[in-house]
Each structure stands twice: as C-alpha cells, then as structure tokens.
Amino acid sequence: MTGSPLRIQYALPADLDAIAALHAEARASYYRGHLPDAAFEGREELARSRAGWAAAIDAGRVLRARDAAGELLGVAAYGERDGVTHLTQLHVAPARWRGGVGTALHTACVDAWRAAGVRTARLEVFDRNTRAQAFYAARGWLPDPDTPHAGDHLVLRLTLASGPAAE
C-alpha cells in the first residue's frame, strides 16, 4: 500500500461492479492452469458470481477495503449455512498481496463474528492454493476434523476465543 490508511466498511450496491471485477481477477490468479478457464471466467460463471455478490451485499455480509483514494483493494464475505458461520470469500487484488489488506479484512470479519457471539467459523480453500492456505493457517484456521474436504477444496475451521476481542 502507499501509506494510505485502509478503510474497511460494509459494501454497498454501488460497489458491485468493482467487487465482481476484483473477484474475477483474484480467482483467475489461483485457478488458471488448474481448472478450465470457463470454470472461473466464462460468461455463465461471471454472471453467477455477480448474482452471488449482489445477494451477499444486499444481506449486509460483505466487507470492502479501500485506500484513502477510494481504490478497492480487497473484499470479504461471510454468511451462515446449516447454523455455522462461513467465510465464503476473501479476495485481495493480486497487485496488493502481502500489504496487510487480507489481514485487515480477516480481522474485521472475526471482530464482527465475535460481536455476534459466533464461536466457530468454517471456510473452504482450493486445495492447490497454498498461498491462501498459509494465510489462513497463520491466523489459526485448522483442518475441520468433521469434514476435511469438499471436492477440490480443503475445509478449515477457526475456533474463536470467547470474551472480548483478542488481539
């Protein structure tokens, strides 16, 4: 980052196009060469992805990270499935990797979960995306002992400390 303060806020419908574009760029960075391009950047997939982001934004479960100039640097989404909180998306513009954006978004998600009384969260990460796996492991995510895999994704679980937000 360029020394600009990072602002994390809930996404608005006006953010949809920028979020969908960032998501497509980030997914291409880890799926290309492992999956057919149509699986992550075909017209139908991009439309499905955009519709998913629109629904998540409408539900108030999408956090966006912008710099002081308003550039979208990253995005995270979470929700509940079968009574369990899931981190469904966490993407940083590849040009901004290793600049603290992902950490800030992750921290904001964990803070929101703690405030809501969440004790455990899950996520799925592409089994060939070792960079993301290392990111999550460094933040305390462990293989889910109940469901370690979902297709070509690893399932990870994070147990949140009870009480006031830690660190």
Protein backbone atom coordinates (compact mmCIF):
# COMPACT_ATOMS: atom_id res chain seq x y z
CA MET A 1 0.00 0.00 0.00
CA THR A 2 1.14 3.52 -0.50
CA GLY A 3 0.98 4.60 3.12
CA SER A 4 -2.71 5.49 2.74
CA PRO A 5 -4.97 4.48 5.58
CA LEU A 6 -7.07 1.44 4.83
CA ARG A 7 -10.82 1.85 5.26
CA ILE A 8 -12.95 -1.23 5.83
CA GLN A 9 -16.68 -0.78 5.53
CA TYR A 10 -19.72 -2.79 4.57
CA ALA A 11 -20.17 -2.87 0.80
CA LEU A 12 -23.00 -1.02 -0.92
CA PRO A 13 -24.87 -1.96 -4.10
CA ALA A 14 -22.84 0.70 -5.94
CA ASP A 15 -19.71 -1.40 -5.20
CA LEU A 16 -20.99 -4.46 -7.10
CA ASP A 17 -19.16 -3.93 -10.41
CA ALA A 18 -15.80 -3.25 -8.74
CA ILE A 19 -16.23 -6.22 -6.38
CA ALA A 20 -17.17 -8.59 -9.21
CA ALA A 21 -14.13 -7.45 -11.22
CA LEU A 22 -11.75 -7.85 -8.27
CA HIS A 23 -13.20 -11.30 -7.54
CA ALA A 24 -12.70 -12.41 -11.16
CA GLU A 25 -9.09 -11.18 -11.16
CA ALA A 26 -8.26 -12.88 -7.87
CA ARG A 27 -9.88 -16.20 -8.81
CA ALA A 28 -8.03 -16.27 -12.12
CA SER A 29 -4.74 -15.90 -10.21
CA TYR A 30 -5.17 -19.20 -8.39
CA TYR A 31 -7.42 -21.26 -10.69
CA ARG A 32 -5.63 -20.62 -14.01
CA GLY A 33 -3.66 -23.67 -15.01
CA HIS A 34 -5.61 -25.88 -12.60
CA LEU A 35 -9.16 -25.58 -13.97
CA PRO A 36 -10.55 -24.81 -17.42
CA ASP A 37 -10.82 -21.04 -17.90
CA ALA A 38 -14.60 -21.30 -18.37
CA ALA A 39 -14.88 -22.59 -14.79
CA PHE A 40 -13.79 -19.23 -13.40
CA GLU A 41 -14.12 -16.65 -16.16
CA GLY A 42 -16.74 -17.91 -18.58
CA ARG A 43 -19.80 -15.76 -19.18
CA GLU A 44 -22.11 -18.02 -17.16
CA GLU A 45 -19.69 -18.23 -14.24
CA LEU A 46 -19.17 -14.46 -14.16
CA ALA A 47 -22.96 -13.92 -14.17
CA ARG A 48 -23.40 -16.48 -11.37
CA SER A 49 -20.63 -14.84 -9.36
CA ARG A 50 -22.08 -11.35 -9.85
CA ALA A 51 -25.52 -12.55 -8.71
CA GLY A 52 -23.95 -14.13 -5.62
CA TRP A 53 -22.13 -10.92 -4.73
CA ALA A 54 -25.31 -8.89 -5.22
CA ALA A 55 -27.21 -11.14 -2.82
CA ALA A 56 -24.40 -11.04 -0.24
CA ILE A 57 -24.19 -7.24 -0.43
CA ASP A 58 -27.97 -6.99 0.00
CA ALA A 59 -27.70 -9.24 3.07
CA GLY A 60 -25.10 -6.91 4.62
CA ARG A 61 -22.40 -9.58 4.79
CA VAL A 62 -19.71 -8.10 2.53
CA LEU A 63 -16.81 -6.01 3.79
CA ARG A 64 -14.72 -3.98 1.40
CA ALA A 65 -11.27 -2.50 1.88
CA ARG A 66 -10.46 0.79 0.14
CA ASP A 67 -7.49 3.10 0.34
CA ALA A 68 -7.87 6.82 1.01
CA ALA A 69 -8.24 7.48 -2.72
CA GLY A 70 -11.20 5.09 -2.86
CA GLU A 71 -9.47 2.27 -4.75
CA LEU A 72 -10.98 -1.13 -3.94
CA LEU A 73 -8.15 -3.30 -2.61
CA GLY A 74 -9.99 -6.29 -1.21
CA VAL A 75 -13.30 -7.82 -0.26
CA ALA A 76 -14.59 -10.44 2.17
CA ALA A 77 -18.00 -12.07 2.56
CA TYR A 78 -19.44 -14.29 5.22
CA GLY A 79 -22.73 -15.92 5.98
CA GLU A 80 -24.42 -18.77 7.74
CA ARG A 81 -25.02 -22.23 6.34
CA ASP A 82 -26.61 -25.03 8.34
CA GLY A 83 -26.24 -22.98 11.53
CA VAL A 84 -22.49 -22.45 11.03
CA THR A 85 -20.77 -19.17 10.13
CA HIS A 86 -18.74 -19.44 6.92
CA LEU A 87 -16.13 -17.14 5.49
CA THR A 88 -17.37 -17.54 1.93
CA GLN A 89 -14.98 -15.17 0.16
CA LEU A 90 -11.79 -13.27 0.94
CA HIS A 91 -10.02 -11.73 -2.03
CA VAL A 92 -7.32 -9.10 -2.37
CA ALA A 93 -6.31 -7.52 -5.66
CA PRO A 94 -3.22 -9.52 -6.65
CA ALA A 95 -1.18 -6.32 -7.05
CA ARG A 96 -1.86 -5.66 -3.33
CA TRP A 97 -0.96 -9.07 -1.92
CA ARG A 98 1.22 -9.05 1.19
CA GLY A 99 0.31 -5.46 2.01
CA GLY A 100 -1.95 -6.12 5.01
CA VAL A 101 -5.28 -5.87 3.19
CA GLY A 102 -6.20 -9.54 3.69
CA THR A 103 -5.21 -9.41 7.34
CA ALA A 104 -7.32 -6.30 7.91
CA LEU A 105 -10.35 -7.87 6.21
CA HIS A 106 -9.91 -11.11 8.15
CA THR A 107 -9.67 -9.20 11.43
CA ALA A 108 -12.83 -7.23 10.59
CA CYS A 109 -14.70 -10.48 9.90
CA VAL A 110 -13.52 -12.06 13.16
CA ASP A 111 -14.49 -8.92 15.08
CA ALA A 112 -17.98 -9.00 13.54
CA TRP A 113 -18.34 -12.69 14.40
CA ARG A 114 -17.24 -12.17 17.98
CA ALA A 115 -19.68 -9.27 18.35
CA ALA A 116 -22.44 -11.60 17.12
CA GLY A 117 -21.43 -14.34 19.58
CA VAL A 118 -20.01 -16.70 16.96
CA ARG A 119 -17.77 -19.38 18.48
CA THR A 120 -16.70 -21.28 15.35
CA ALA A 121 -16.33 -20.43 11.68
CA ARG A 122 -15.56 -22.51 8.61
CA LEU A 123 -14.19 -21.87 5.14
CA GLU A 124 -13.25 -23.78 2.03
CA VAL A 125 -9.98 -23.10 0.21
CA PHE A 126 -8.89 -24.52 -3.16
CA ASP A 127 -6.54 -27.41 -2.41
CA ARG A 128 -3.88 -26.06 -4.80
CA ASN A 129 -3.98 -22.53 -3.40
CA THR A 130 -1.11 -22.97 -0.96
CA ARG A 131 -0.65 -19.20 -0.57
CA ALA A 132 -4.18 -18.86 0.83
CA GLN A 133 -3.76 -21.97 2.97
CA ALA A 134 -0.66 -20.47 4.58
CA PHE A 135 -2.54 -17.18 5.16
CA TYR A 136 -5.35 -18.96 6.99
CA ALA A 137 -3.03 -21.24 8.97
CA ALA A 138 -1.14 -18.17 10.24
CA ARG A 139 -4.47 -16.87 11.59
CA GLY A 140 -5.39 -20.03 13.46
CA TRP A 141 -7.50 -21.91 10.91
CA LEU A 142 -7.09 -25.70 11.17
CA PRO A 143 -8.40 -28.60 9.08
CA ASP A 144 -12.02 -29.31 10.00
CA PRO A 145 -11.95 -32.70 11.72
CA ASP A 146 -15.56 -33.45 10.76
CA THR A 147 -15.30 -32.56 7.06
CA PRO A 148 -11.69 -32.10 5.93
CA HIS A 149 -12.53 -31.89 2.20
CA ALA A 150 -15.32 -30.65 -0.06
CA GLY A 151 -14.45 -31.72 -3.60
CA ASP A 152 -11.22 -29.99 -4.61
CA HIS A 153 -11.31 -27.69 -1.58
CA LEU A 154 -9.95 -28.12 1.93
CA VAL A 155 -12.35 -27.29 4.75
CA LEU A 156 -10.84 -25.28 7.60
CA ARG A 157 -12.26 -24.31 10.98
CA LEU A 158 -11.48 -21.39 13.25
CA THR A 159 -12.39 -21.51 16.92
CA LEU A 160 -12.90 -18.03 18.29
CA ALA A 161 -11.86 -17.10 21.79
CA SER A 162 -14.78 -16.20 23.99
CA GLY A 163 -14.99 -12.88 25.70
CA PRO A 164 -13.66 -9.52 24.47
CA ALA A 165 -11.93 -9.42 21.10
CA ALA A 166 -8.43 -10.77 21.45
CA GLU A 167 -5.55 -9.04 19.72
